[in-house]
C-alpha atoms as a PDB file:
ATOM      1  CA  MET A   1     100.809 -22.285 -42.862  1.00  0.00           C
ATOM      2  CA  ASN A   2      98.191 -24.439 -44.723  1.00  0.00           C
ATOM      3  CA  ILE A   3      99.883 -27.538 -43.709  1.00  0.00           C
ATOM      4  CA  LEU A   4     100.020 -26.803 -40.331  1.00  0.00           C
ATOM      5  CA  TRP A   5      96.146 -26.647 -39.660  1.00  0.00           C
ATOM      6  CA  PRO A   6      95.509 -29.833 -41.001  1.00  0.00           C
ATOM      7  CA  ILE A   7      98.491 -31.276 -38.525  1.00  0.00           C
ATOM      8  CA  ILE A   8      96.631 -29.457 -35.588  1.00  0.00           C
ATOM      9  CA  GLY A   9      93.310 -31.057 -36.739  1.00  0.00           C
ATOM     10  CA  LEU A  10      94.675 -34.543 -37.546  1.00  0.00           C
ATOM     11  CA  GLY A  11      96.245 -33.931 -33.339  1.00  0.00           C
ATOM     12  CA  ILE A  12      92.907 -33.168 -32.475  1.00  0.00           C
ATOM     13  CA  LEU A  13      91.240 -35.734 -33.563  1.00  0.00           C
ATOM     14  CA  TYR A  14      93.965 -38.269 -32.445  1.00  0.00           C
ATOM     15  CA  VAL A  15      93.618 -36.764 -28.924  1.00  0.00           C
ATOM     16  CA  LEU A  16      90.094 -37.239 -28.721  1.00  0.00           C
ATOM     17  CA  GLY A  17      90.020 -41.003 -30.162  1.00  0.00           C
ATOM     18  CA  SER A  18      92.810 -41.783 -27.605  1.00  0.00           C
ATOM     19  CA  ILE A  19      90.499 -40.760 -24.752  1.00  0.00           C
ATOM     20  CA  ARG A  20      88.651 -43.572 -22.438  1.00  0.00           C
ATOM     21  CA  ILE A  21      86.093 -43.023 -20.084  1.00  0.00           C
ATOM     22  CA  ILE A  22      85.900 -45.861 -17.081  1.00  0.00           C
ATOM     23  CA  LYS A  23      83.173 -45.958 -15.340  1.00  0.00           C
ATOM     24  CA  GLN A  24      82.787 -46.437 -11.490  1.00  0.00           C
ATOM     25  CA  TYR A  25      82.137 -50.422 -12.024  1.00  0.00           C
ATOM     26  CA  GLU A  26      84.491 -50.835 -15.017  1.00  0.00           C
ATOM     27  CA  ARG A  27      88.094 -51.176 -15.086  1.00  0.00           C
ATOM     28  CA  GLY A  28      90.088 -51.253 -17.783  1.00  0.00           C
ATOM     29  CA  VAL A  29      92.919 -53.740 -18.872  1.00  0.00           C
ATOM     30  CA  VAL A  30      95.642 -52.306 -21.005  1.00  0.00           C
ATOM     31  CA  PHE A  31      97.931 -53.841 -23.762  1.00  0.00           C
ATOM     32  CA  LEU A  32     101.346 -52.450 -25.200  1.00  0.00           C
ATOM     33  CA  LEU A  33     102.377 -54.252 -28.478  1.00  0.00           C
ATOM     34  CA  GLY A  34      99.893 -57.131 -27.667  1.00  0.00           C
ATOM     35  CA  LYS A  35     101.774 -57.808 -23.884  1.00  0.00           C
ATOM     36  CA  PHE A  36      99.805 -56.867 -20.813  1.00  0.00           C
ATOM     37  CA  GLU A  37     100.838 -53.479 -18.980  1.00  0.00           C
ATOM     38  CA  GLY A  38      98.081 -53.111 -16.129  1.00  0.00           C
ATOM     39  CA  VAL A  39      94.567 -52.256 -15.196  1.00  0.00           C
ATOM     40  CA  GLN A  40      93.282 -48.697 -15.723  1.00  0.00           C
ATOM     41  CA  GLN A  41      91.381 -46.729 -12.466  1.00  0.00           C
ATOM     42  CA  PRO A  42      87.905 -45.588 -13.337  1.00  0.00           C
ATOM     43  CA  GLY A  43      88.325 -42.042 -14.255  1.00  0.00           C
ATOM     44  CA  LEU A  44      89.321 -40.528 -17.809  1.00  0.00           C
ATOM     45  CA  ARG A  45      92.314 -41.975 -19.549  1.00  0.00           C
ATOM     46  CA  PHE A  46      94.528 -42.213 -22.151  1.00  0.00           C
ATOM     47  CA  ILE A  47      95.777 -44.637 -24.328  1.00  0.00           C
ATOM     48  CA  PHE A  48      98.428 -44.263 -27.297  1.00  0.00           C
ATOM     49  CA  VAL A  49      96.605 -45.421 -30.028  1.00  0.00           C
ATOM     50  CA  PRO A  50      97.320 -48.242 -32.193  1.00  0.00           C
ATOM     51  CA  PHE A  51     100.314 -48.922 -30.036  1.00  0.00           C
ATOM     52  CA  GLN A  52      97.710 -49.899 -26.886  1.00  0.00           C
ATOM     53  CA  THR A  53      94.675 -51.459 -26.524  1.00  0.00           C
ATOM     54  CA  MET A  54      92.318 -51.478 -23.821  1.00  0.00           C
ATOM     55  CA  THR A  55      89.618 -53.801 -22.700  1.00  0.00           C
ATOM     56  CA  ARG A  56      86.640 -53.002 -20.504  1.00  0.00           C
ATOM     57  CA  VAL A  57      85.746 -55.597 -17.802  1.00  0.00           C
ATOM     58  CA  SER A  58      82.729 -54.823 -15.347  1.00  0.00           C
ATOM     59  CA  LEU A  59      83.182 -56.004 -11.701  1.00  0.00           C
ATOM     60  CA  ARG A  60      79.392 -55.931 -11.260  1.00  0.00           C
ATOM     61  CA  THR A  61      77.171 -58.888 -10.060  1.00  0.00           C
ATOM     62  CA  VAL A  62      76.363 -60.491 -13.152  1.00  0.00           C
ATOM     63  CA  THR A  63      72.893 -63.081 -13.182  1.00  0.00           C
ATOM     64  CA  MET A  64      73.287 -66.596 -14.847  1.00  0.00           C
ATOM     65  CA  GLN A  65      70.784 -69.103 -15.355  1.00  0.00           C
ATOM     66  CA  ILE A  66      71.871 -72.370 -15.760  1.00  0.00           C
ATOM     67  CA  PRO A  67      69.047 -74.287 -17.722  1.00  0.00           C
ATOM     68  CA  SER A  68      67.093 -77.513 -16.180  1.00  0.00           C
ATOM     69  CA  GLN A  69      68.540 -80.585 -16.565  1.00  0.00           C
ATOM     70  CA  LYS A  70      67.508 -84.213 -16.154  1.00  0.00           C
ATOM     71  CA  ILE A  71      69.723 -85.746 -13.344  1.00  0.00           C
ATOM     72  CA  ILE A  72      69.452 -88.656 -11.307  1.00  0.00           C
ATOM     73  CA  THR A  73      69.417 -88.763  -7.757  1.00  0.00           C
ATOM     74  CA  ARG A  74      71.183 -91.737  -5.649  1.00  0.00           C
ATOM     75  CA  ASP A  75      68.297 -93.087  -4.829  1.00  0.00           C
ATOM     76  CA  ASN A  76      68.069 -93.508  -8.630  1.00  0.00           C
ATOM     77  CA  VAL A  77      64.780 -90.687  -9.398  1.00  0.00           C
ATOM     78  CA  SER A  78      64.697 -88.809 -12.613  1.00  0.00           C
ATOM     79  CA  ILE A  79      64.407 -85.216 -11.528  1.00  0.00           C
ATOM     80  CA  ASP A  80      64.741 -81.694 -13.402  1.00  0.00           C
ATOM     81  CA  VAL A  81      67.021 -79.351 -12.162  1.00  0.00           C
ATOM     82  CA  THR A  82      66.922 -75.805 -13.042  1.00  0.00           C
ATOM     83  CA  ALA A  83      69.189 -73.161 -11.259  1.00  0.00           C
ATOM     84  CA  VAL A  84      70.620 -69.927 -11.165  1.00  0.00           C
ATOM     85  CA  ALA A  85      74.484 -68.420  -9.621  1.00  0.00           C
ATOM     86  CA  TYR A  86      75.848 -65.089  -9.187  1.00  0.00           C
ATOM     87  CA  TYR A  87      79.109 -64.301  -9.864  1.00  0.00           C
ATOM     88  CA  LEU A  88      81.358 -61.011 -10.079  1.00  0.00           C
ATOM     89  CA  VAL A  89      84.980 -60.545 -11.565  1.00  0.00           C
ATOM     90  CA  THR A  90      87.562 -59.731  -8.756  1.00  0.00           C
ATOM     91  CA  ASP A  91      90.766 -59.961 -10.598  1.00  0.00           C
ATOM     92  CA  PRO A  92      90.149 -57.992 -14.299  1.00  0.00           C
ATOM     93  CA  ALA A  93      93.567 -58.940 -16.057  1.00  0.00           C
ATOM     94  CA  LYS A  94      92.925 -62.726 -15.312  1.00  0.00           C
ATOM     95  CA  SER A  95      89.495 -62.371 -16.708  1.00  0.00           C
ATOM     96  CA  VAL A  96      90.862 -61.145 -20.129  1.00  0.00           C
ATOM     97  CA  ILE A  97      94.247 -63.336 -20.071  1.00  0.00           C
ATOM     98  CA  ALA A  98      93.257 -66.268 -18.405  1.00  0.00           C
ATOM     99  CA  ILE A  99      90.123 -67.235 -20.458  1.00  0.00           C
ATOM    100  CA  GLU A 100      88.261 -66.166 -23.486  1.00  0.00           C
ATOM    101  CA  ASN A 101      84.801 -65.842 -22.169  1.00  0.00           C
ATOM    102  CA  VAL A 102      84.342 -65.680 -18.750  1.00  0.00           C
ATOM    103  CA  TYR A 103      80.154 -65.758 -18.842  1.00  0.00           C
ATOM    104  CA  ASN A 104      80.486 -69.201 -21.088  1.00  0.00           C
ATOM    105  CA  ALA A 105      82.660 -70.803 -19.277  1.00  0.00           C
ATOM    106  CA  THR A 106      81.220 -70.094 -15.983  1.00  0.00           C
ATOM    107  CA  ASN A 107      77.864 -71.153 -17.366  1.00  0.00           C
ATOM    108  CA  GLN A 108      78.854 -73.880 -18.829  1.00  0.00           C
ATOM    109  CA  ILE A 109      81.069 -75.572 -15.659  1.00  0.00           C
ATOM    110  CA  SER A 110      78.268 -74.518 -13.290  1.00  0.00           C
ATOM    111  CA  GLN A 111      75.943 -77.441 -15.795  1.00  0.00           C
ATOM    112  CA  THR A 112      78.402 -80.126 -15.243  1.00  0.00           C
ATOM    113  CA  THR A 113      78.302 -79.331 -11.448  1.00  0.00           C
ATOM    114  CA  VAL A 114      75.107 -79.346 -10.523  1.00  0.00           C
ATOM    115  CA  ARG A 115      74.349 -82.382 -12.532  1.00  0.00           C
ATOM    116  CA  ASN A 116      77.708 -84.060 -10.597  1.00  0.00           C
ATOM    117  CA  VAL A 117      76.776 -82.542  -7.509  1.00  0.00           C
ATOM    118  CA  VAL A 118      72.818 -83.343  -7.391  1.00  0.00           C
ATOM    119  CA  GLY A 119      73.247 -86.833  -8.022  1.00  0.00           C
ATOM    120  CA  ARG A 120      75.454 -87.313  -5.214  1.00  0.00           C
ATOM    121  CA  PHE A 121      72.303 -86.760  -2.817  1.00  0.00           C
ATOM    122  CA  SER A 122      69.090 -88.522  -2.526  1.00  0.00           C
ATOM    123  CA  LEU A 123      65.911 -87.058  -3.492  1.00  0.00           C
ATOM    124  CA  ASP A 124      64.760 -86.359   0.609  1.00  0.00           C
ATOM    125  CA  GLU A 125      68.040 -84.890   1.244  1.00  0.00           C
ATOM    126  CA  LEU A 126      67.793 -82.282  -1.890  1.00  0.00           C
ATOM    127  CA  LEU A 127      63.946 -81.604  -0.778  1.00  0.00           C
ATOM    128  CA  VAL A 128      64.602 -81.031   2.768  1.00  0.00           C
ATOM    129  CA  ASP A 129      68.555 -79.773   2.941  1.00  0.00           C
ATOM    130  CA  ARG A 130      68.816 -77.846  -0.513  1.00  0.00           C
ATOM    131  CA  SER A 131      70.906 -75.013   1.103  1.00  0.00           C
ATOM    132  CA  LYS A 132      73.753 -77.889   1.816  1.00  0.00           C
ATOM    133  CA  VAL A 133      73.445 -78.645  -2.079  1.00  0.00           C
ATOM    134  CA  ASN A 134      73.829 -74.925  -3.074  1.00  0.00           C
ATOM    135  CA  ASP A 135      76.796 -74.271  -0.834  1.00  0.00           C
ATOM    136  CA  GLU A 136      78.367 -77.249  -1.857  1.00  0.00           C
ATOM    137  CA  ILE A 137      77.776 -76.743  -6.086  1.00  0.00           C
ATOM    138  CA  ARG A 138      78.824 -73.100  -4.734  1.00  0.00           C
ATOM    139  CA  GLN A 139      82.141 -73.964  -3.343  1.00  0.00           C
ATOM    140  CA  VAL A 140      82.865 -76.502  -6.369  1.00  0.00           C
ATOM    141  CA  ILE A 141      82.443 -73.860  -9.190  1.00  0.00           C
ATOM    142  CA  ASP A 142      84.070 -71.013  -7.236  1.00  0.00           C
ATOM    143  CA  GLN A 143      87.129 -73.411  -7.371  1.00  0.00           C
ATOM    144  CA  HIS A 144      86.686 -73.861 -11.200  1.00  0.00           C
ATOM    145  CA  THR A 145      86.571 -69.775 -11.907  1.00  0.00           C
ATOM    146  CA  GLU A 146      89.256 -68.965  -9.596  1.00  0.00           C
ATOM    147  CA  PRO A 147      91.967 -69.117 -11.692  1.00  0.00           C
ATOM    148  CA  TRP A 148      89.843 -66.759 -14.213  1.00  0.00           C
ATOM    149  CA  GLY A 149      89.537 -64.027 -11.823  1.00  0.00           C
ATOM    150  CA  ALA A 150      85.872 -64.726 -11.114  1.00  0.00           C
ATOM    151  CA  LYS A 151      84.070 -65.773  -7.727  1.00  0.00           C
ATOM    152  CA  VAL A 152      80.556 -67.377  -7.524  1.00  0.00           C
ATOM    153  CA  THR A 153      79.067 -65.791  -4.437  1.00  0.00           C
ATOM    154  CA  ILE A 154      75.564 -67.224  -4.623  1.00  0.00           C
ATOM    155  CA  VAL A 155      74.104 -70.650  -6.623  1.00  0.00           C
ATOM    156  CA  GLU A 156      70.334 -71.355  -5.476  1.00  0.00           C
ATOM    157  CA  ILE A 157      68.826 -73.976  -7.195  1.00  0.00           C
ATOM    158  CA  LYS A 158      65.358 -72.416  -8.139  1.00  0.00           C
ATOM    159  CA  ASP A 159      63.023 -75.499  -8.761  1.00  0.00           C
ATOM    160  CA  ILE A 160      63.073 -79.481  -8.829  1.00  0.00           C
ATOM    161  CA  MET A 161      60.783 -81.419 -10.771  1.00  0.00           C
ATOM    162  CA  LEU A 162      59.380 -84.581 -10.455  1.00  0.00           C
ATOM    163  CA  PRO A 163      58.178 -87.433 -12.574  1.00  0.00           C
ATOM    164  CA  ASP A 164      53.963 -87.394 -12.038  1.00  0.00           C
ATOM    165  CA  ASN A 165      53.966 -90.652 -10.471  1.00  0.00           C
ATOM    166  CA  MET A 166      56.514 -89.987  -8.488  1.00  0.00           C
ATOM    167  CA  GLN A 167      54.445 -86.642  -7.240  1.00  0.00           C
ATOM    168  CA  ARG A 168      51.301 -88.831  -7.136  1.00  0.00           C
ATOM    169  CA  ALA A 169      52.822 -91.239  -4.498  1.00  0.00           C
ATOM    170  CA  MET A 170      54.441 -88.454  -2.426  1.00  0.00           C
ATOM    171  CA  ALA A 171      50.600 -86.729  -2.479  1.00  0.00           C
ATOM    172  CA  LYS A 172      49.404 -90.092  -1.279  1.00  0.00           C
ATOM    173  CA  GLU A 173      52.343 -90.341   1.789  1.00  0.00           C
ATOM    174  CA  ALA A 174      51.376 -86.994   2.798  1.00  0.00           C
ATOM    175  CA  GLU A 175      48.118 -87.849   3.220  1.00  0.00           C
ATOM    176  CA  ALA A 176      48.532 -90.805   4.970  1.00  0.00           C
ATOM    177  CA  GLU A 177      50.734 -88.412   7.593  1.00  0.00           C
ATOM    178  CA  ARG A 178      47.600 -86.030   7.648  1.00  0.00           C
ATOM    179  CA  GLU A 179      45.354 -89.218   8.905  1.00  0.00           C
ATOM    180  CA  ARG A 180      47.451 -90.639  10.939  1.00  0.00           C
ATOM    181  CA  ARG A 181      48.113 -87.249  13.126  1.00  0.00           C
ATOM    182  CA  ALA A 182      44.632 -86.703  13.235  1.00  0.00           C
ATOM    183  CA  LYS A 183      44.014 -90.364  14.816  1.00  0.00           C
ATOM    184  CA  ILE A 184      46.727 -89.361  17.426  1.00  0.00           C
ATOM    185  CA  VAL A 185      45.044 -86.459  18.013  1.00  0.00           C
ATOM    186  CA  ALA A 186      41.207 -87.836  18.499  1.00  0.00           C
ATOM    187  CA  ALA A 187      43.020 -90.893  20.379  1.00  0.00           C
ATOM    188  CA  GLN A 188      44.707 -88.309  22.701  1.00  0.00           C
ATOM    189  CA  GLY A 189      41.211 -86.819  23.343  1.00  0.00           C
ATOM    190  CA  GLU A 190      39.517 -89.926  24.314  1.00  0.00           C
ATOM    191  CA  PHE A 191      41.897 -90.682  26.323  1.00  0.00           C
ATOM    192  CA  GLN A 192      41.862 -87.505  28.272  1.00  0.00           C
ATOM    193  CA  ALA A 193      38.115 -87.783  27.897  1.00  0.00           C
ATOM    194  CA  ALA A 194      38.250 -91.577  29.912  1.00  0.00           C
ATOM    195  CA  GLU A 195      41.015 -89.832  32.423  1.00  0.00           C
ATOM    196  CA  LYS A 196      37.685 -87.328  33.417  1.00  0.00           C
ATOM    197  CA  LEU A 197      35.088 -89.622  33.592  1.00  0.00           C
ATOM    198  CA  GLY A 198      36.709 -92.576  35.885  1.00  0.00           C
ATOM    199  CA  ALA A 199      37.209 -89.278  38.132  1.00  0.00           C
ATOM    200  CA  ALA A 200      33.899 -88.475  38.072  1.00  0.00           C
ATOM    201  CA  ALA A 201      32.602 -92.278  38.561  1.00  0.00           C
ATOM    202  CA  ASP A 202      35.160 -92.295  41.663  1.00  0.00           C
ATOM    203  CA  VAL A 203      33.393 -89.160  43.247  1.00  0.00           C
ATOM    204  CA  ILE A 204      29.955 -90.256  42.623  1.00  0.00           C
ATOM    205  CA  THR A 205      31.155 -93.638  44.146  1.00  0.00           C
ATOM    206  CA  ALA A 206      32.231 -91.713  47.198  1.00  0.00           C
ATOM    207  CA  HIS A 207      29.195 -89.187  47.274  1.00  0.00           C
ATOM    208  CA  PRO A 208      25.875 -91.371  45.980  1.00  0.00           C
ATOM    209  CA  VAL A 209      23.755 -88.423  46.854  1.00  0.00           C
ATOM    210  CA  ALA A 210      26.124 -86.591  43.546  1.00  0.00           C
ATOM    211  CA  LEU A 211      24.320 -88.707  41.518  1.00  0.00           C
ATOM    212  CA  GLN A 212      20.842 -87.963  42.307  1.00  0.00           C
ATOM    213  CA  LEU A 213      21.621 -83.728  42.252  1.00  0.00           C
ATOM    214  CA  ARG A 214      23.677 -84.510  38.802  1.00  0.00           C
ATOM    215  CA  THR A 215      20.078 -86.204  37.745  1.00  0.00           C
ATOM    216  CA  LEU A 216      17.828 -83.284  38.627  1.00  0.00           C
ATOM    217  CA  GLN A 217      20.046 -80.695  37.151  1.00  0.00           C
ATOM    218  CA  THR A 218      20.352 -82.445  33.630  1.00  0.00           C
ATOM    219  CA  MET A 219      16.516 -82.790  34.168  1.00  0.00           C
ATOM    220  CA  ALA A 220      16.392 -79.278  34.625  1.00  0.00           C
ATOM    221  CA  GLU A 221      18.756 -77.883  31.588  1.00  0.00           C
ATOM    222  CA  ILE A 222      16.061 -80.279  29.744  1.00  0.00           C
ATOM    223  CA  ALA A 223      13.402 -77.966  30.467  1.00  0.00           C
ATOM    224  CA  THR A 224      14.593 -74.761  30.001  1.00  0.00           C
ATOM    225  CA  GLU A 225      16.621 -75.587  26.963  1.00  0.00           C
ATOM    226  CA  LYS A 226      12.977 -77.276  25.350  1.00  0.00           C
ATOM    227  CA  ASN A 227      10.798 -74.230  26.782  1.00  0.00           C
ATOM    228  CA  SER A 228       8.648 -77.133  29.003  1.00  0.00           C
ATOM    229  CA  THR A 229       7.491 -78.397  32.209  1.00  0.00           C
ATOM    230  CA  ILE A 230       9.047 -81.422  34.005  1.00  0.00           C
ATOM    231  CA  ILE A 231       6.938 -82.969  36.881  1.00  0.00           C
ATOM    232  CA  PHE A 232       9.123 -84.655  39.153  1.00  0.00           C
ATOM    233  CA  PRO A 233       7.345 -87.812  41.180  1.00  0.00           C
ATOM    234  CA  ALA A 234       6.981 -87.081  45.088  1.00  0.00           C
ATOM    235  CA  GLN A 235       9.176 -90.083  45.791  1.00  0.00           C
ATOM    236  CA  PHE A 236      12.169 -88.888  43.623  1.00  0.00           C
ATOM    237  CA  MET A 237      11.624 -85.136  45.523  1.00  0.00           C
ATOM    238  CA  THR A 238      11.970 -86.735  48.781  1.00  0.00           C
ATOM    239  CA  THR A 239      15.321 -88.530  47.746  1.00  0.00           C
ATOM    240  CA  VAL A 240      16.624 -85.078  46.886  1.00  0.00           C
ATOM    241  CA  GLU A 241      15.474 -83.491  50.476  1.00  0.00           C
ATOM    242  CA  GLU A 242      17.265 -86.388  52.051  1.00  0.00           C
ATOM    243  CA  ALA A 243      20.612 -85.704  49.612  1.00  0.00           C
ATOM    244  CA  LEU A 244      20.138 -82.342  50.674  1.00  0.00           C
ATOM    245  CA  LYS A 245      20.267 -82.938  54.048  1.00  0.00           C
ATOM    246  CA  THR A 246      23.373 -85.009  53.779  1.00  0.00           C
ATOM    247  CA  LEU A 247      25.559 -82.837  51.980  1.00  0.00           C
ATOM    248  CA  LYS A 248      24.692 -80.247  54.599  1.00  0.00           C
ATOM    249  CA  ARG A 249      24.966 -82.755  57.800  1.00  0.00           C
ATOM    250  CA  ASP A 250      28.574 -83.463  55.967  1.00  0.00           C
ATOM    251  CA  ALA A 251      29.281 -79.756  55.611  1.00  0.00           C
ATOM    252  CA  LEU A 252      28.782 -78.923  59.442  1.00  0.00           C
ATOM    253  CA  ASN A 253      31.459 -82.110  60.525  1.00  0.00           C
ATOM    254  CA  LYS A 254      33.806 -80.369  58.312  1.00  0.00           C
END
């Protein structure tokens, strides 16, 4: 009996040491005597220690920073590019058997791919169509990581740093473009104003009386603004009366 209790105690310790709890976002890759045996699903699992071993693999999406790199674009501009990638493990067995460290391997191949792909584009293409560059980088990285049981879901270029002289040149170019647009708008306004003045001149030419009435209206507005009284010559008032009679006569004839 004295021997039985130690055996029972060792048995309990063995069972407790062989129990594994796999979380919902994990999978357990099991090896029996060093040979791959299978993948355990989430829940309470039991392995035969020391004959079996289990490696936990997380299936959650991993955020991976791609360090800043100096890259020469297709049009020979030196830029610093910083990016970020998101990947997840899709095949736990491959991620353990085919590669020693999925994160490090994916990070290294991502740096190389960013440098190679960005170098095939011009600076304008990188600034205007960044989504196309991101998608091409993602596809190339994904081709490399697929045998490792990992899938790259997103690659985003976070920042493109230009040399100081290039930034000044682009600022001058943007300022020149704004000035060009402002001049175009001003020219269009002057053109429309000239059209209106031409139309007004045609009306005055067809109706000379209108010029006299417009003069009277302008002088009345000036008097109102200045709070003053304007005295018109008698001859001017006679001309205005004749103009009004002419307008009434034209209206009756119509």
